[in-house]
Amino acid sequence: MLKPLAIIQLGEPPEPIFKAIGQQSDWFIDALPPVHNDIKIFRPDMGEKIPSSDNFSGAILTGSWAMVTDLHPWSESTAEWIRSAHSNSLPLLGVCFGHQLIAHALGGRVGDNPTGRECGLHLIELSGDYQNDPLLKDMPKRLSAWLSHQQTVLEAPQGANILAFSTQDSCQIIRYSGTTFSVQFHPEFSLDVMLACLWNNEVIDHLPDGKNLPTWPRLILQRFYNYYCTVPKCDFIH
C-alpha cells in the first residue's frame, strides 16, 4: 500500500488571492497527475506539527508570503524537519519559499535577491548534468516558467548541484541528493494564479499571450510524483 503524499503548506494566501483561486495546496493538487495515494496537508505556519518522514511517500514544500530570513519559529522547526527527512531519504520537492527553506536547512545562504524582484514569465536555462537527472532529462535547454519572489538562494549548500539559472537568479533548480530537489519558480502556477498576485501591486515584468503559456514546469512536478511517490519502495540516484 502506498504511503500518503504530504503537501506542506507554508503560508496562508492573502484574502483576495484565497477568494479568487483558493489555497496553495489546491494549486498543487490541480497540477499533479492522477494521484493514487492519499494526500495529507500540513500547516506548520498554523502551529501544526509535521509527522515523522517515515509516514510519507514524498513531500512537497510550497511557497509562502513569509521570508526565510525572518527565522519564524514555525519556519525554523520546518527546517529541522527537512534535515531529518533529507537524512531519511524521503523524496522532497521544494518550490519558491520551499526551495529557499531546503537550501537554508541544509547549509545554504538565503537573502534578498541583489538583482531585485523576479516576477512574471521568465526564461530559465538548464545547466550542469541536467540531462542525467530523472526530473529534467529530455527537456529543452531553454524554457520559460512563472516566478514571483523577492528572496533567493545566494549560495547553495556544499555538495549540491545547481541545474538551472535565469538572468536574475543563479540558483533556479538545485539537486541536493537522489531524493531532494527544489525549484525557485512555480510549477503549480496557472495564468490565473499568476494574475491573482497582482492584488498586492506586484510588478509583472513579463506576461505571455495565451498561445505561449509554459507547460514544462508542471512536468517537473508530475515527474516528481510519478518517479518517487508511486511505488512502495525504490532505489533512487544518490
C-alpha atoms as a PDB file:
ATOM      1  CA  MET A   1       0.000   0.000   0.000  1.00  0.00           C
ATOM      2  CA  LEU A   2       1.327   3.423  -0.929  1.00  0.00           C
ATOM      3  CA  LYS A   3       2.083   5.869   1.836  1.00  0.00           C
ATOM      4  CA  PRO A   4       0.423   9.304   1.653  1.00  0.00           C
ATOM      5  CA  LEU A   5       1.925  12.249  -0.189  1.00  0.00           C
ATOM      6  CA  ALA A   6       2.463  15.229   2.130  1.00  0.00           C
ATOM      7  CA  ILE A   7       1.852  18.795   0.971  1.00  0.00           C
ATOM      8  CA  ILE A   8       3.442  21.118   3.493  1.00  0.00           C
ATOM      9  CA  GLN A   9       1.716  24.454   3.020  1.00  0.00           C
ATOM     10  CA  LEU A  10       3.975  27.200   4.306  1.00  0.00           C
ATOM     11  CA  GLY A  11       1.630  30.151   4.461  1.00  0.00           C
ATOM     12  CA  GLU A  12      -1.895  31.487   4.069  1.00  0.00           C
ATOM     13  CA  PRO A  13      -2.676  33.304   0.813  1.00  0.00           C
ATOM     14  CA  PRO A  14      -3.819  36.900   1.329  1.00  0.00           C
ATOM     15  CA  GLU A  15      -7.607  37.071   1.364  1.00  0.00           C
ATOM     16  CA  PRO A  16      -8.075  38.440  -2.187  1.00  0.00           C
ATOM     17  CA  ILE A  17      -5.938  35.617  -3.610  1.00  0.00           C
ATOM     18  CA  PHE A  18      -7.685  32.989  -1.481  1.00  0.00           C
ATOM     19  CA  LYS A  19     -11.114  34.215  -2.594  1.00  0.00           C
ATOM     20  CA  ALA A  20     -10.061  34.194  -6.243  1.00  0.00           C
ATOM     21  CA  ILE A  21      -8.166  30.898  -6.500  1.00  0.00           C
ATOM     22  CA  GLY A  22      -8.218  29.062  -3.159  1.00  0.00           C
ATOM     23  CA  GLN A  23      -5.400  27.640  -1.058  1.00  0.00           C
ATOM     24  CA  GLN A  24      -1.884  26.875  -2.257  1.00  0.00           C
ATOM     25  CA  SER A  25      -2.418  23.180  -1.612  1.00  0.00           C
ATOM     26  CA  ASP A  26      -5.304  23.285  -4.109  1.00  0.00           C
ATOM     27  CA  TRP A  27      -2.990  24.666  -6.814  1.00  0.00           C
ATOM     28  CA  PHE A  28      -0.606  21.734  -6.344  1.00  0.00           C
ATOM     29  CA  ILE A  29      -3.369  19.140  -6.298  1.00  0.00           C
ATOM     30  CA  ASP A  30      -4.754  20.574  -9.537  1.00  0.00           C
ATOM     31  CA  ALA A  31      -1.297  20.440 -11.152  1.00  0.00           C
ATOM     32  CA  LEU A  32      -0.424  16.877 -10.114  1.00  0.00           C
ATOM     33  CA  PRO A  33      -1.163  13.878 -12.332  1.00  0.00           C
ATOM     34  CA  PRO A  34      -3.850  11.418 -11.149  1.00  0.00           C
ATOM     35  CA  VAL A  35      -2.768  10.582  -7.596  1.00  0.00           C
ATOM     36  CA  HIS A  36      -3.039   7.041  -6.227  1.00  0.00           C
ATOM     37  CA  ASN A  37      -2.009   7.955  -2.676  1.00  0.00           C
ATOM     38  CA  ASP A  38      -3.880   9.826  -0.019  1.00  0.00           C
ATOM     39  CA  ILE A  39      -2.793  13.470   0.162  1.00  0.00           C
ATOM     40  CA  LYS A  40      -2.138  14.886   3.616  1.00  0.00           C
ATOM     41  CA  ILE A  41      -1.879  18.669   4.021  1.00  0.00           C
ATOM     42  CA  PHE A  42       0.080  20.137   6.922  1.00  0.00           C
ATOM     43  CA  ARG A  43       0.216  23.756   8.085  1.00  0.00           C
ATOM     44  CA  PRO A  44       3.291  24.379  10.255  1.00  0.00           C
ATOM     45  CA  ASP A  45       2.624  28.109   9.879  1.00  0.00           C
ATOM     46  CA  MET A  46      -0.605  27.475  11.820  1.00  0.00           C
ATOM     47  CA  GLY A  47       1.207  25.572  14.563  1.00  0.00           C
ATOM     48  CA  GLU A  48       0.595  22.101  13.135  1.00  0.00           C
ATOM     49  CA  LYS A  49       3.363  19.557  13.719  1.00  0.00           C
ATOM     50  CA  ILE A  50       4.582  17.602  10.698  1.00  0.00           C
ATOM     51  CA  PRO A  51       4.725  13.858  11.472  1.00  0.00           C
ATOM     52  CA  SER A  52       7.864  11.788  11.010  1.00  0.00           C
ATOM     53  CA  SER A  53       9.018  11.398   7.412  1.00  0.00           C
ATOM     54  CA  ASP A  54       8.572   7.623   7.768  1.00  0.00           C
ATOM     55  CA  ASN A  55       4.838   8.190   7.280  1.00  0.00           C
ATOM     56  CA  PHE A  56       5.047   9.504   3.702  1.00  0.00           C
ATOM     57  CA  SER A  57       5.980   8.520   0.166  1.00  0.00           C
ATOM     58  CA  GLY A  58       7.194  12.062  -0.517  1.00  0.00           C
ATOM     59  CA  ALA A  59       6.635  15.684   0.475  1.00  0.00           C
ATOM     60  CA  ILE A  60       6.115  18.953  -1.399  1.00  0.00           C
ATOM     61  CA  LEU A  61       7.017  22.208   0.357  1.00  0.00           C
ATOM     62  CA  THR A  62       5.098  25.179  -1.020  1.00  0.00           C
ATOM     63  CA  GLY A  63       5.769  28.859  -1.439  1.00  0.00           C
ATOM     64  CA  SER A  64       4.951  31.470   1.193  1.00  0.00           C
ATOM     65  CA  TRP A  65       4.460  35.181   1.756  1.00  0.00           C
ATOM     66  CA  ALA A  66       6.949  34.939   4.631  1.00  0.00           C
ATOM     67  CA  MET A  67      10.724  35.357   4.280  1.00  0.00           C
ATOM     68  CA  VAL A  68      13.195  32.626   5.218  1.00  0.00           C
ATOM     69  CA  THR A  69      15.485  35.210   6.814  1.00  0.00           C
ATOM     70  CA  ASP A  70      12.739  36.241   9.255  1.00  0.00           C
ATOM     71  CA  LEU A  71      13.508  32.957  11.058  1.00  0.00           C
ATOM     72  CA  HIS A  72       9.941  32.448  12.264  1.00  0.00           C
ATOM     73  CA  PRO A  73       9.746  29.603  14.820  1.00  0.00           C
ATOM     74  CA  TRP A  74       7.432  27.598  12.549  1.00  0.00           C
ATOM     75  CA  SER A  75       9.823  28.071   9.619  1.00  0.00           C
ATOM     76  CA  GLU A  76      12.852  27.010  11.656  1.00  0.00           C
ATOM     77  CA  SER A  77      11.012  23.952  13.013  1.00  0.00           C
ATOM     78  CA  THR A  78      10.139  23.038   9.422  1.00  0.00           C
ATOM     79  CA  ALA A  79      13.818  23.411   8.511  1.00  0.00           C
ATOM     80  CA  GLU A  80      14.634  20.950  11.292  1.00  0.00           C
ATOM     81  CA  TRP A  81      12.047  18.538   9.873  1.00  0.00           C
ATOM     82  CA  ILE A  82      13.603  18.968   6.407  1.00  0.00           C
ATOM     83  CA  ARG A  83      17.029  17.979   7.749  1.00  0.00           C
ATOM     84  CA  SER A  84      15.564  14.831   9.280  1.00  0.00           C
ATOM     85  CA  ALA A  85      13.545  13.946   6.165  1.00  0.00           C
ATOM     86  CA  HIS A  86      16.560  14.575   3.922  1.00  0.00           C
ATOM     87  CA  SER A  87      18.727  12.312   6.092  1.00  0.00           C
ATOM     88  CA  ASN A  88      15.982   9.690   5.911  1.00  0.00           C
ATOM     89  CA  SER A  89      15.945   9.934   2.067  1.00  0.00           C
ATOM     90  CA  LEU A  90      12.303  10.985   1.920  1.00  0.00           C
ATOM     91  CA  PRO A  91      11.669  12.441  -1.566  1.00  0.00           C
ATOM     92  CA  LEU A  92      11.368  16.215  -1.135  1.00  0.00           C
ATOM     93  CA  LEU A  93      10.340  18.873  -3.645  1.00  0.00           C
ATOM     94  CA  GLY A  94      10.671  22.499  -2.569  1.00  0.00           C
ATOM     95  CA  VAL A  95       9.013  25.334  -4.504  1.00  0.00           C
ATOM     96  CA  CYS A  96       9.901  29.048  -4.150  1.00  0.00           C
ATOM     97  CA  PHE A  97       9.932  29.583  -0.347  1.00  0.00           C
ATOM     98  CA  GLY A  98      10.157  25.794  -0.013  1.00  0.00           C
ATOM     99  CA  HIS A  99      13.192  25.860  -2.340  1.00  0.00           C
ATOM    100  CA  GLN A 100      14.860  28.523  -0.208  1.00  0.00           C
ATOM    101  CA  LEU A 101      13.948  26.784   3.051  1.00  0.00           C
ATOM    102  CA  ILE A 102      15.503  23.491   1.930  1.00  0.00           C
ATOM    103  CA  ALA A 103      18.690  25.316   0.927  1.00  0.00           C
ATOM    104  CA  HIS A 104      18.710  27.147   4.281  1.00  0.00           C
ATOM    105  CA  ALA A 105      18.073  23.930   6.226  1.00  0.00           C
ATOM    106  CA  LEU A 106      20.935  22.111   4.500  1.00  0.00           C
ATOM    107  CA  GLY A 107      23.542  24.825   4.955  1.00  0.00           C
ATOM    108  CA  GLY A 108      22.991  27.244   2.070  1.00  0.00           C
ATOM    109  CA  ARG A 109      22.581  31.008   2.303  1.00  0.00           C
ATOM    110  CA  VAL A 110      19.305  32.812   1.560  1.00  0.00           C
ATOM    111  CA  GLY A 111      18.678  36.559   1.286  1.00  0.00           C
ATOM    112  CA  ASP A 112      17.186  39.327  -0.812  1.00  0.00           C
ATOM    113  CA  ASN A 113      17.938  38.951  -4.498  1.00  0.00           C
ATOM    114  CA  PRO A 114      20.533  41.633  -5.339  1.00  0.00           C
ATOM    115  CA  THR A 115      19.032  41.972  -8.829  1.00  0.00           C
ATOM    116  CA  GLY A 116      15.580  42.758  -7.431  1.00  0.00           C
ATOM    117  CA  ARG A 117      12.221  41.043  -7.511  1.00  0.00           C
ATOM    118  CA  GLU A 118      11.668  38.453 -10.248  1.00  0.00           C
ATOM    119  CA  CYS A 119       8.003  38.241 -11.196  1.00  0.00           C
ATOM    120  CA  GLY A 120       6.124  37.018 -14.247  1.00  0.00           C
ATOM    121  CA  LEU A 121       7.176  34.694 -17.050  1.00  0.00           C
ATOM    122  CA  HIS A 122      10.951  34.354 -17.363  1.00  0.00           C
ATOM    123  CA  LEU A 123      13.423  32.283 -19.343  1.00  0.00           C
ATOM    124  CA  ILE A 124      15.179  29.513 -17.435  1.00  0.00           C
ATOM    125  CA  GLU A 125      18.343  27.870 -18.765  1.00  0.00           C
ATOM    126  CA  LEU A 126      19.172  24.339 -17.666  1.00  0.00           C
ATOM    127  CA  SER A 127      22.809  23.689 -16.835  1.00  0.00           C
ATOM    128  CA  GLY A 128      25.225  21.173 -15.382  1.00  0.00           C
ATOM    129  CA  ASP A 129      24.378  17.490 -15.648  1.00  0.00           C
ATOM    130  CA  TYR A 130      20.648  18.088 -16.079  1.00  0.00           C
ATOM    131  CA  GLN A 131      20.241  15.500 -18.847  1.00  0.00           C
ATOM    132  CA  ASN A 132      21.031  12.742 -16.353  1.00  0.00           C
ATOM    133  CA  ASP A 133      18.518  13.987 -13.802  1.00  0.00           C
ATOM    134  CA  PRO A 134      15.272  11.953 -13.766  1.00  0.00           C
ATOM    135  CA  LEU A 135      13.148  15.093 -13.400  1.00  0.00           C
ATOM    136  CA  LEU A 136      14.861  17.066 -16.194  1.00  0.00           C
ATOM    137  CA  LYS A 137      16.071  14.606 -18.805  1.00  0.00           C
ATOM    138  CA  ASP A 138      14.914  15.183 -22.399  1.00  0.00           C
ATOM    139  CA  MET A 139      13.813  18.748 -21.664  1.00  0.00           C
ATOM    140  CA  PRO A 140      14.902  21.667 -23.862  1.00  0.00           C
ATOM    141  CA  LYS A 141      17.874  23.599 -22.523  1.00  0.00           C
ATOM    142  CA  ARG A 142      15.986  26.937 -22.514  1.00  0.00           C
ATOM    143  CA  LEU A 143      12.461  27.060 -21.108  1.00  0.00           C
ATOM    144  CA  SER A 144      10.042  29.534 -19.567  1.00  0.00           C
ATOM    145  CA  ALA A 145       8.481  29.477 -16.101  1.00  0.00           C
ATOM    146  CA  TRP A 146       6.350  31.540 -13.717  1.00  0.00           C
ATOM    147  CA  LEU A 147       8.255  33.353 -10.971  1.00  0.00           C
ATOM    148  CA  SER A 148       7.271  35.553  -8.044  1.00  0.00           C
ATOM    149  CA  HIS A 149       9.981  36.058  -5.416  1.00  0.00           C
ATOM    150  CA  GLN A 150      11.983  38.673  -3.568  1.00  0.00           C
ATOM    151  CA  GLN A 151      14.451  36.428  -1.764  1.00  0.00           C
ATOM    152  CA  THR A 152      16.659  33.810  -3.349  1.00  0.00           C
ATOM    153  CA  VAL A 153      19.301  31.177  -2.675  1.00  0.00           C
ATOM    154  CA  LEU A 154      22.507  33.221  -2.667  1.00  0.00           C
ATOM    155  CA  GLU A 155      24.743  30.197  -2.034  1.00  0.00           C
ATOM    156  CA  ALA A 156      23.706  26.572  -2.493  1.00  0.00           C
ATOM    157  CA  PRO A 157      24.642  24.082   0.232  1.00  0.00           C
ATOM    158  CA  GLN A 158      28.015  22.406  -0.092  1.00  0.00           C
ATOM    159  CA  GLY A 159      27.822  19.422  -2.430  1.00  0.00           C
ATOM    160  CA  ALA A 160      24.528  20.482  -4.032  1.00  0.00           C
ATOM    161  CA  ASN A 161      24.279  20.710  -7.820  1.00  0.00           C
ATOM    162  CA  ILE A 162      22.789  23.793  -9.470  1.00  0.00           C
ATOM    163  CA  LEU A 163      20.901  22.667 -12.571  1.00  0.00           C
ATOM    164  CA  ALA A 164      19.320  25.897 -13.871  1.00  0.00           C
ATOM    165  CA  PHE A 165      19.651  29.676 -13.755  1.00  0.00           C
ATOM    166  CA  SER A 166      17.978  32.825 -15.095  1.00  0.00           C
ATOM    167  CA  THR A 167      19.322  36.301 -15.830  1.00  0.00           C
ATOM    168  CA  GLN A 168      18.273  37.389 -12.328  1.00  0.00           C
ATOM    169  CA  ASP A 169      18.895  34.238 -10.308  1.00  0.00           C
ATOM    170  CA  SER A 170      21.801  31.795 -10.406  1.00  0.00           C
ATOM    171  CA  CYS A 171      20.005  29.051  -8.412  1.00  0.00           C
ATOM    172  CA  GLN A 172      16.733  28.273 -10.190  1.00  0.00           C
ATOM    173  CA  ILE A 173      16.998  24.488  -9.695  1.00  0.00           C
ATOM    174  CA  ILE A 174      19.056  22.661  -7.072  1.00  0.00           C
ATOM    175  CA  ARG A 175      19.612  18.918  -6.701  1.00  0.00           C
ATOM    176  CA  TYR A 176      20.821  18.091  -3.164  1.00  0.00           C
ATOM    177  CA  SER A 177      20.691  14.302  -3.280  1.00  0.00           C
ATOM    178  CA  GLY A 178      18.983  11.464  -5.072  1.00  0.00           C
ATOM    179  CA  THR A 179      15.744  12.332  -3.302  1.00  0.00           C
ATOM    180  CA  THR A 180      15.891  16.070  -2.514  1.00  0.00           C
ATOM    181  CA  PHE A 181      15.211  18.608  -5.269  1.00  0.00           C
ATOM    182  CA  SER A 182      13.971  22.198  -5.346  1.00  0.00           C
ATOM    183  CA  VAL A 183      12.978  24.938  -7.788  1.00  0.00           C
ATOM    184  CA  GLN A 184      12.701  28.704  -7.397  1.00  0.00           C
ATOM    185  CA  PHE A 185       9.913  29.001  -9.974  1.00  0.00           C
ATOM    186  CA  HIS A 186       6.307  27.832  -9.615  1.00  0.00           C
ATOM    187  CA  PRO A 187       5.442  24.577 -11.435  1.00  0.00           C
ATOM    188  CA  GLU A 188       1.976  24.682  -9.868  1.00  0.00           C
ATOM    189  CA  PHE A 189       1.074  28.125 -11.241  1.00  0.00           C
ATOM    190  CA  SER A 190      -1.519  28.697 -13.935  1.00  0.00           C
ATOM    191  CA  LEU A 191      -2.040  32.042 -15.641  1.00  0.00           C
ATOM    192  CA  ASP A 192      -4.968  32.692 -13.272  1.00  0.00           C
ATOM    193  CA  VAL A 193      -2.764  32.130 -10.226  1.00  0.00           C
ATOM    194  CA  MET A 194      -0.059  34.406 -11.588  1.00  0.00           C
ATOM    195  CA  LEU A 195      -2.530  37.176 -12.378  1.00  0.00           C
ATOM    196  CA  ALA A 196      -4.082  36.897  -8.917  1.00  0.00           C
ATOM    197  CA  CYS A 197      -0.743  38.047  -7.484  1.00  0.00           C
ATOM    198  CA  LEU A 198      -1.486  41.472  -8.966  1.00  0.00           C
ATOM    199  CA  TRP A 199      -3.709  42.197  -5.954  1.00  0.00           C
ATOM    200  CA  ASN A 200      -0.553  43.075  -3.990  1.00  0.00           C
ATOM    201  CA  ASN A 201       0.681  45.569  -6.600  1.00  0.00           C
ATOM    202  CA  GLU A 202       3.393  43.144  -7.664  1.00  0.00           C
ATOM    203  CA  VAL A 203       5.165  44.286 -10.801  1.00  0.00           C
ATOM    204  CA  ILE A 204       4.636  41.694 -13.501  1.00  0.00           C
ATOM    205  CA  ASP A 205       7.502  42.379 -15.834  1.00  0.00           C
ATOM    206  CA  HIS A 206       6.840  39.573 -18.320  1.00  0.00           C
ATOM    207  CA  LEU A 207       3.444  38.156 -19.340  1.00  0.00           C
ATOM    208  CA  PRO A 208       2.805  35.906 -22.346  1.00  0.00           C
ATOM    209  CA  ASP A 209      -0.062  35.849 -24.755  1.00  0.00           C
ATOM    210  CA  GLY A 210      -2.476  32.963 -24.427  1.00  0.00           C
ATOM    211  CA  LYS A 211      -0.609  30.884 -27.002  1.00  0.00           C
ATOM    212  CA  ASN A 212       2.719  30.788 -25.147  1.00  0.00           C
ATOM    213  CA  LEU A 213       1.936  29.601 -21.642  1.00  0.00           C
ATOM    214  CA  PRO A 214       4.651  27.469 -20.015  1.00  0.00           C
ATOM    215  CA  THR A 215       3.970  23.741 -19.750  1.00  0.00           C
ATOM    216  CA  TRP A 216       7.325  22.163 -18.852  1.00  0.00           C
ATOM    217  CA  PRO A 217       7.476  23.324 -15.183  1.00  0.00           C
ATOM    218  CA  ARG A 218       4.327  21.343 -14.423  1.00  0.00           C
ATOM    219  CA  LEU A 219       6.003  18.312 -15.986  1.00  0.00           C
ATOM    220  CA  ILE A 220       8.707  18.505 -13.297  1.00  0.00           C
ATOM    221  CA  LEU A 221       6.026  18.379 -10.597  1.00  0.00           C
ATOM    222  CA  GLN A 222       4.338  15.441 -12.295  1.00  0.00           C
ATOM    223  CA  ARG A 223       7.625  13.605 -12.766  1.00  0.00           C
ATOM    224  CA  PHE A 224       8.433  14.083  -9.088  1.00  0.00           C
ATOM    225  CA  TYR A 225       5.203  12.357  -8.144  1.00  0.00           C
ATOM    226  CA  ASN A 226       5.441   9.589 -10.750  1.00  0.00           C
ATOM    227  CA  TYR A 227       9.131   8.845 -10.169  1.00  0.00           C
ATOM    228  CA  TYR A 228       9.217   8.916  -6.377  1.00  0.00           C
ATOM    229  CA  CYS A 229       5.739   8.523  -4.915  1.00  0.00           C
ATOM    230  CA  THR A 230       4.007   5.745  -6.844  1.00  0.00           C
ATOM    231  CA  VAL A 231       5.998   2.718  -5.671  1.00  0.00           C
ATOM    232  CA  PRO A 232       6.158   1.238  -2.162  1.00  0.00           C
ATOM    233  CA  LYS A 233       9.960   1.180  -2.201  1.00  0.00           C
ATOM    234  CA  CYS A 234      12.554   2.225  -4.760  1.00  0.00           C
ATOM    235  CA  ASP A 235      16.297   2.765  -5.043  1.00  0.00           C
ATOM    236  CA  PHE A 236      16.933   6.336  -6.123  1.00  0.00           C
ATOM    237  CA  ILE A 237      20.009   8.038  -7.524  1.00  0.00           C
ATOM    238  CA  HIS A 238      22.469   9.383  -4.965  1.00  0.00           C
END
